Amino acid sequence: MTTNDNRRPRGALEAAVMTALWAAQAPMSATEVQHELGGDLAYNTVQTILTRLHEKNAVQRRLDGRRHTYWPVVDAATAAAAQMKAALGERSDRHAVLQQFAASLDEADAALLRQVLAGTERRRR
């Protein structure tokens, strides 16, 4: 996906790298991530993204021979939940945001959310 000036949206490459790491069964090198992304990105670009993700504490790394291998700090569901919570925290009218979110869910997701909330409420008691 690109913008009108052929640039990717902010964070799109980091998101693509994280998706590749979440899908992997083991830590990955920059070369392996580059291959997983389809190879249209330069190795240096992938390495820079991985370094930035490491600096943001989104991934961990270890030296494996002469290269680093990388893996996510948290799973995809935990990361998505943190993003949702951060987005909610940035808004002054939390009620309106939650109401719009709930209204946007299809019936199956709304039922699942009700089930999750009920289970969370039971555990809090």
N, C-alpha and C. Protein backbone atom coordinates (compact mmCIF):
# COMPACT_ATOMS: atom_id res chain seq x y z
N MET A 1 0.85 -1.17 0.00
CA MET A 1 0.00 0.00 0.00
C MET A 1 0.90 1.23 0.00
N THR A 2 0.55 2.22 -0.81
CA THR A 2 1.32 3.45 -0.87
C THR A 2 0.37 4.64 -0.84
N THR A 3 0.93 5.82 -0.58
CA THR A 3 0.16 7.05 -0.61
C THR A 3 0.20 7.62 -2.01
N ASN A 4 -0.43 8.79 -2.21
CA ASN A 4 -0.46 9.40 -3.53
C ASN A 4 0.92 9.71 -4.08
N ASP A 5 1.89 9.97 -3.22
CA ASP A 5 3.24 10.26 -3.69
C ASP A 5 4.13 9.01 -3.68
N ASN A 6 3.50 7.83 -3.76
CA ASN A 6 4.18 6.54 -3.82
C ASN A 6 4.96 6.19 -2.57
N ARG A 7 4.64 6.81 -1.46
CA ARG A 7 5.28 6.47 -0.19
C ARG A 7 4.35 5.57 0.61
N ARG A 8 4.94 4.70 1.37
CA ARG A 8 4.15 3.83 2.24
C ARG A 8 3.61 4.65 3.40
N PRO A 9 2.45 4.28 3.93
CA PRO A 9 1.94 4.96 5.12
C PRO A 9 2.90 4.78 6.29
N ARG A 10 2.92 5.73 7.17
CA ARG A 10 3.80 5.70 8.34
C ARG A 10 3.57 4.41 9.14
N GLY A 11 4.64 3.73 9.42
CA GLY A 11 4.55 2.50 10.21
C GLY A 11 4.25 1.25 9.42
N ALA A 12 4.01 1.36 8.12
CA ALA A 12 3.63 0.19 7.32
C ALA A 12 4.75 -0.85 7.26
N LEU A 13 5.99 -0.41 7.12
CA LEU A 13 7.09 -1.37 7.05
C LEU A 13 7.31 -2.05 8.38
N GLU A 14 7.24 -1.29 9.47
CA GLU A 14 7.38 -1.91 10.79
C GLU A 14 6.27 -2.94 11.01
N ALA A 15 5.06 -2.60 10.60
CA ALA A 15 3.94 -3.53 10.75
C ALA A 15 4.17 -4.80 9.93
N ALA A 16 4.68 -4.65 8.73
CA ALA A 16 4.94 -5.81 7.87
C ALA A 16 6.03 -6.70 8.48
N VAL A 17 7.07 -6.09 9.02
CA VAL A 17 8.14 -6.86 9.66
C VAL A 17 7.60 -7.59 10.89
N MET A 18 6.81 -6.90 11.70
CA MET A 18 6.25 -7.55 12.89
C MET A 18 5.35 -8.71 12.48
N THR A 19 4.55 -8.54 11.45
CA THR A 19 3.68 -9.63 10.97
C THR A 19 4.51 -10.84 10.57
N ALA A 20 5.62 -10.61 9.89
CA ALA A 20 6.50 -11.72 9.50
C ALA A 20 7.08 -12.40 10.73
N LEU A 21 7.52 -11.62 11.70
CA LEU A 21 8.10 -12.21 12.92
C LEU A 21 7.05 -12.99 13.72
N TRP A 22 5.82 -12.45 13.81
CA TRP A 22 4.76 -13.17 14.53
C TRP A 22 4.42 -14.49 13.86
N ALA A 23 4.49 -14.53 12.54
CA ALA A 23 4.14 -15.74 11.81
C ALA A 23 5.24 -16.81 11.88
N ALA A 24 6.45 -16.40 12.20
CA ALA A 24 7.59 -17.32 12.22
C ALA A 24 7.52 -18.26 13.41
N GLN A 25 8.06 -19.42 13.24
CA GLN A 25 8.11 -20.41 14.32
C GLN A 25 9.39 -20.30 15.14
N ALA A 26 10.31 -19.45 14.68
CA ALA A 26 11.61 -19.30 15.35
C ALA A 26 12.13 -17.90 15.05
N PRO A 27 13.13 -17.45 15.81
CA PRO A 27 13.73 -16.15 15.50
C PRO A 27 14.22 -16.10 14.06
N MET A 28 14.20 -14.90 13.49
CA MET A 28 14.56 -14.73 12.08
C MET A 28 15.70 -13.72 11.93
N SER A 29 16.53 -13.94 10.93
CA SER A 29 17.57 -12.98 10.57
C SER A 29 16.97 -11.91 9.66
N ALA A 30 17.70 -10.84 9.46
CA ALA A 30 17.25 -9.79 8.54
C ALA A 30 17.05 -10.36 7.14
N THR A 31 17.93 -11.24 6.72
CA THR A 31 17.80 -11.85 5.39
C THR A 31 16.51 -12.67 5.29
N GLU A 32 16.19 -13.42 6.33
CA GLU A 32 14.97 -14.22 6.33
C GLU A 32 13.73 -13.34 6.32
N VAL A 33 13.77 -12.24 7.09
CA VAL A 33 12.64 -11.30 7.09
C VAL A 33 12.50 -10.68 5.70
N GLN A 34 13.61 -10.27 5.11
CA GLN A 34 13.59 -9.69 3.76
C GLN A 34 12.95 -10.66 2.77
N HIS A 35 13.34 -11.92 2.84
CA HIS A 35 12.78 -12.94 1.96
C HIS A 35 11.28 -13.11 2.21
N GLU A 36 10.88 -13.13 3.47
CA GLU A 36 9.46 -13.30 3.82
C GLU A 36 8.62 -12.14 3.30
N LEU A 37 9.20 -10.94 3.27
CA LEU A 37 8.47 -9.76 2.80
C LEU A 37 8.40 -9.69 1.28
N GLY A 38 9.03 -10.61 0.59
CA GLY A 38 8.94 -10.64 -0.86
C GLY A 38 10.17 -10.13 -1.56
N GLY A 39 11.15 -9.66 -0.82
CA GLY A 39 12.42 -9.29 -1.42
C GLY A 39 12.47 -7.97 -2.15
N ASP A 40 11.36 -7.19 -2.19
CA ASP A 40 11.42 -5.91 -2.90
C ASP A 40 12.06 -4.81 -2.06
N LEU A 41 12.33 -5.09 -0.79
CA LEU A 41 13.02 -4.14 0.08
C LEU A 41 14.50 -4.47 0.12
N ALA A 42 15.31 -3.44 0.19
CA ALA A 42 16.75 -3.65 0.32
C ALA A 42 17.06 -4.25 1.68
N TYR A 43 18.10 -5.05 1.73
CA TYR A 43 18.52 -5.65 3.00
C TYR A 43 18.76 -4.57 4.05
N ASN A 44 19.42 -3.48 3.67
CA ASN A 44 19.71 -2.40 4.62
C ASN A 44 18.43 -1.79 5.19
N THR A 45 17.39 -1.71 4.39
CA THR A 45 16.11 -1.18 4.86
C THR A 45 15.52 -2.11 5.91
N VAL A 46 15.53 -3.40 5.65
CA VAL A 46 15.00 -4.38 6.60
C VAL A 46 15.82 -4.33 7.89
N GLN A 47 17.15 -4.26 7.75
CA GLN A 47 18.01 -4.22 8.93
C GLN A 47 17.73 -2.97 9.75
N THR A 48 17.53 -1.83 9.09
CA THR A 48 17.21 -0.58 9.80
C THR A 48 15.89 -0.70 10.55
N ILE A 49 14.89 -1.29 9.92
CA ILE A 49 13.59 -1.47 10.57
C ILE A 49 13.74 -2.36 11.80
N LEU A 50 14.47 -3.45 11.66
CA LEU A 50 14.67 -4.35 12.79
C LEU A 50 15.42 -3.65 13.93
N THR A 51 16.41 -2.85 13.59
CA THR A 51 17.15 -2.11 14.61
C THR A 51 16.23 -1.13 15.33
N ARG A 52 15.40 -0.43 14.58
CA ARG A 52 14.46 0.50 15.20
C ARG A 52 13.46 -0.21 16.09
N LEU A 53 12.96 -1.35 15.63
CA LEU A 53 12.03 -2.13 16.46
C LEU A 53 12.71 -2.61 17.74
N HIS A 54 13.98 -2.95 17.65
CA HIS A 54 14.73 -3.35 18.84
C HIS A 54 14.89 -2.17 19.79
N GLU A 55 15.18 -0.99 19.25
CA GLU A 55 15.31 0.21 20.08
C GLU A 55 13.99 0.59 20.76
N LYS A 56 12.87 0.25 20.12
CA LYS A 56 11.54 0.52 20.69
C LYS A 56 11.08 -0.60 21.61
N ASN A 57 11.92 -1.60 21.81
CA ASN A 57 11.60 -2.76 22.65
C ASN A 57 10.43 -3.57 22.12
N ALA A 58 10.24 -3.56 20.80
CA ALA A 58 9.19 -4.37 20.19
C ALA A 58 9.72 -5.76 19.83
N VAL A 59 11.04 -5.85 19.62
CA VAL A 59 11.67 -7.14 19.33
C VAL A 59 12.91 -7.30 20.20
N GLN A 60 13.27 -8.55 20.41
CA GLN A 60 14.54 -8.85 21.05
C GLN A 60 15.45 -9.44 19.99
N ARG A 61 16.74 -9.45 20.27
CA ARG A 61 17.68 -10.04 19.32
C ARG A 61 18.82 -10.71 20.08
N ARG A 62 19.45 -11.63 19.36
CA ARG A 62 20.66 -12.25 19.89
C ARG A 62 21.61 -12.50 18.72
N LEU A 63 22.87 -12.49 19.05
CA LEU A 63 23.90 -12.75 18.05
C LEU A 63 23.91 -14.25 17.77
N ASP A 64 23.80 -14.61 16.51
CA ASP A 64 23.77 -16.00 16.07
C ASP A 64 24.85 -16.12 14.99
N GLY A 65 26.05 -16.47 15.41
CA GLY A 65 27.17 -16.45 14.47
C GLY A 65 27.58 -15.01 14.21
N ARG A 66 27.52 -14.61 12.96
CA ARG A 66 27.88 -13.23 12.59
C ARG A 66 26.66 -12.35 12.35
N ARG A 67 25.50 -12.88 12.62
CA ARG A 67 24.27 -12.11 12.38
C ARG A 67 23.40 -12.12 13.62
N HIS A 68 22.47 -11.20 13.65
CA HIS A 68 21.47 -11.19 14.72
C HIS A 68 20.23 -11.92 14.23
N THR A 69 19.55 -12.57 15.17
CA THR A 69 18.22 -13.07 14.89
C THR A 69 17.26 -12.32 15.81
N TYR A 70 16.04 -12.14 15.33
CA TYR A 70 15.05 -11.29 16.00
C TYR A 70 13.77 -12.07 16.26
N TRP A 71 13.08 -11.70 17.34
CA TRP A 71 11.77 -12.26 17.65
C TRP A 71 10.96 -11.22 18.41
N PRO A 72 9.64 -11.28 18.30
CA PRO A 72 8.78 -10.28 18.96
C PRO A 72 8.81 -10.42 20.48
N VAL A 73 8.68 -9.29 21.16
CA VAL A 73 8.62 -9.28 22.62
C VAL A 73 7.27 -9.80 23.10
N VAL A 74 6.19 -9.41 22.40
CA VAL A 74 4.84 -9.87 22.75
C VAL A 74 4.18 -10.45 21.51
N ASP A 75 3.13 -11.24 21.71
CA ASP A 75 2.42 -11.82 20.58
C ASP A 75 1.54 -10.77 19.90
N ALA A 76 1.02 -11.12 18.75
CA ALA A 76 0.23 -10.18 17.95
C ALA A 76 -1.01 -9.68 18.68
N ALA A 77 -1.69 -10.57 19.40
CA ALA A 77 -2.91 -10.17 20.11
C ALA A 77 -2.60 -9.17 21.21
N THR A 78 -1.52 -9.39 21.94
CA THR A 78 -1.14 -8.46 23.01
C THR A 78 -0.75 -7.11 22.44
N ALA A 79 -0.04 -7.11 21.32
CA ALA A 79 0.35 -5.85 20.68
C ALA A 79 -0.88 -5.09 20.18
N ALA A 80 -1.84 -5.79 19.59
CA ALA A 80 -3.06 -5.14 19.10
C ALA A 80 -3.86 -4.56 20.26
N ALA A 81 -3.95 -5.30 21.35
CA ALA A 81 -4.67 -4.81 22.52
C ALA A 81 -4.01 -3.55 23.08
N ALA A 82 -2.68 -3.52 23.10
CA ALA A 82 -1.97 -2.34 23.59
C ALA A 82 -2.23 -1.13 22.69
N GLN A 83 -2.28 -1.36 21.38
CA GLN A 83 -2.58 -0.27 20.45
C GLN A 83 -4.00 0.25 20.67
N MET A 84 -4.94 -0.65 20.88
CA MET A 84 -6.33 -0.24 21.11
C MET A 84 -6.43 0.57 22.40
N LYS A 85 -5.76 0.11 23.44
CA LYS A 85 -5.79 0.82 24.72
C LYS A 85 -5.15 2.20 24.59
N ALA A 86 -4.04 2.28 23.85
CA ALA A 86 -3.36 3.57 23.66
C ALA A 86 -4.25 4.53 22.86
N ALA A 87 -4.93 4.02 21.83
CA ALA A 87 -5.82 4.87 21.05
C ALA A 87 -6.97 5.37 21.91
N LEU A 88 -7.49 4.54 22.75
CA LEU A 88 -8.58 4.94 23.65
C LEU A 88 -8.09 5.99 24.65
N GLY A 89 -6.89 5.82 25.14
CA GLY A 89 -6.32 6.75 26.10
C GLY A 89 -6.05 8.12 25.54
N GLU A 90 -5.91 8.23 24.23
CA GLU A 90 -5.64 9.51 23.57
C GLU A 90 -6.90 10.34 23.38
N ARG A 91 -8.06 9.80 23.64
CA ARG A 91 -9.32 10.49 23.40
C ARG A 91 -9.94 10.96 24.71
N SER A 92 -10.53 12.13 24.67
CA SER A 92 -11.13 12.65 25.90
C SER A 92 -12.51 12.05 26.16
N ASP A 93 -13.24 11.67 25.11
CA ASP A 93 -14.57 11.09 25.29
C ASP A 93 -14.52 9.59 25.07
N ARG A 94 -14.06 8.88 26.07
CA ARG A 94 -13.90 7.43 25.98
C ARG A 94 -15.24 6.74 25.68
N HIS A 95 -16.31 7.26 26.26
CA HIS A 95 -17.62 6.67 26.03
C HIS A 95 -17.98 6.68 24.55
N ALA A 96 -17.77 7.82 23.89
CA ALA A 96 -18.10 7.92 22.47
C ALA A 96 -17.23 6.99 21.63
N VAL A 97 -15.96 6.91 21.97
CA VAL A 97 -15.05 6.04 21.22
C VAL A 97 -15.49 4.58 21.36
N LEU A 98 -15.73 4.16 22.59
CA LEU A 98 -16.17 2.78 22.81
C LEU A 98 -17.51 2.49 22.14
N GLN A 99 -18.40 3.47 22.18
CA GLN A 99 -19.71 3.30 21.55
C GLN A 99 -19.55 3.13 20.04
N GLN A 100 -18.73 3.95 19.42
CA GLN A 100 -18.50 3.83 17.97
C GLN A 100 -17.82 2.51 17.62
N PHE A 101 -16.87 2.11 18.47
CA PHE A 101 -16.20 0.83 18.23
C PHE A 101 -17.21 -0.32 18.29
N ALA A 102 -18.02 -0.35 19.34
CA ALA A 102 -19.01 -1.41 19.49
C ALA A 102 -20.00 -1.42 18.33
N ALA A 103 -20.41 -0.24 17.89
CA ALA A 103 -21.37 -0.15 16.78
C ALA A 103 -20.76 -0.64 15.46
N SER A 104 -19.45 -0.58 15.35
CA SER A 104 -18.79 -0.99 14.10
C SER A 104 -18.60 -2.51 14.00
N LEU A 105 -18.79 -3.23 15.11
CA LEU A 105 -18.58 -4.68 15.11
C LEU A 105 -19.72 -5.41 14.44
N ASP A 106 -19.40 -6.49 13.72
CA ASP A 106 -20.47 -7.33 13.21
C ASP A 106 -21.02 -8.15 14.38
N GLU A 107 -22.13 -8.82 14.17
CA GLU A 107 -22.81 -9.52 15.27
C GLU A 107 -21.92 -10.58 15.92
N ALA A 108 -21.15 -11.30 15.12
CA ALA A 108 -20.29 -12.35 15.67
C ALA A 108 -19.22 -11.75 16.59
N ASP A 109 -18.59 -10.66 16.15
CA ASP A 109 -17.57 -10.03 16.99
C ASP A 109 -18.19 -9.37 18.22
N ALA A 110 -19.39 -8.81 18.07
CA ALA A 110 -20.08 -8.22 19.23
C ALA A 110 -20.40 -9.30 20.27
N ALA A 111 -20.85 -10.45 19.81
CA ALA A 111 -21.15 -11.56 20.73
C ALA A 111 -19.86 -12.03 21.42
N LEU A 112 -18.79 -12.11 20.67
CA LEU A 112 -17.51 -12.52 21.25
C LEU A 112 -17.04 -11.50 22.28
N LEU A 113 -17.18 -10.22 21.98
CA LEU A 113 -16.79 -9.18 22.94
C LEU A 113 -17.62 -9.28 24.22
N ARG A 114 -18.93 -9.50 24.08
CA ARG A 114 -19.77 -9.67 25.27
C ARG A 114 -19.30 -10.86 26.11
N GLN A 115 -18.95 -11.95 25.45
CA GLN A 115 -18.47 -13.15 26.14
C GLN A 115 -17.15 -12.86 26.86
N VAL A 116 -16.24 -12.18 26.21
CA VAL A 116 -14.96 -11.85 26.83
C VAL A 116 -15.16 -10.92 28.02
N LEU A 117 -16.01 -9.91 27.87
CA LEU A 117 -16.28 -8.99 28.98
C LEU A 117 -16.91 -9.71 30.17
N ALA A 118 -17.82 -10.62 29.91
CA ALA A 118 -18.45 -11.38 30.99
C ALA A 118 -17.42 -12.22 31.73
N GLY A 119 -16.53 -12.85 30.99
CA GLY A 119 -15.48 -13.65 31.61
C GLY A 119 -14.51 -12.80 32.42
N THR A 120 -14.19 -11.61 31.91
CA THR A 120 -13.30 -10.69 32.62
C THR A 120 -13.96 -10.23 33.91
N GLU A 121 -15.25 -9.94 33.84
CA GLU A 121 -15.98 -9.48 35.03
C GLU A 121 -16.02 -10.58 36.09
N ARG A 122 -16.22 -11.83 35.67
CA ARG A 122 -16.24 -12.93 36.63
C ARG A 122 -14.88 -13.09 37.32
N ARG A 123 -13.78 -12.92 36.58
CA ARG A 123 -12.45 -13.07 37.17
C ARG A 123 -12.13 -11.93 38.11
N ARG A 124 -12.71 -10.77 37.92
CA ARG A 124 -12.44 -9.62 38.79
C ARG A 124 -13.12 -9.74 40.15
N ARG A 125 -14.15 -10.55 40.24
CA ARG A 125 -14.91 -10.70 41.51
C ARG A 125 -14.17 -11.53 42.50
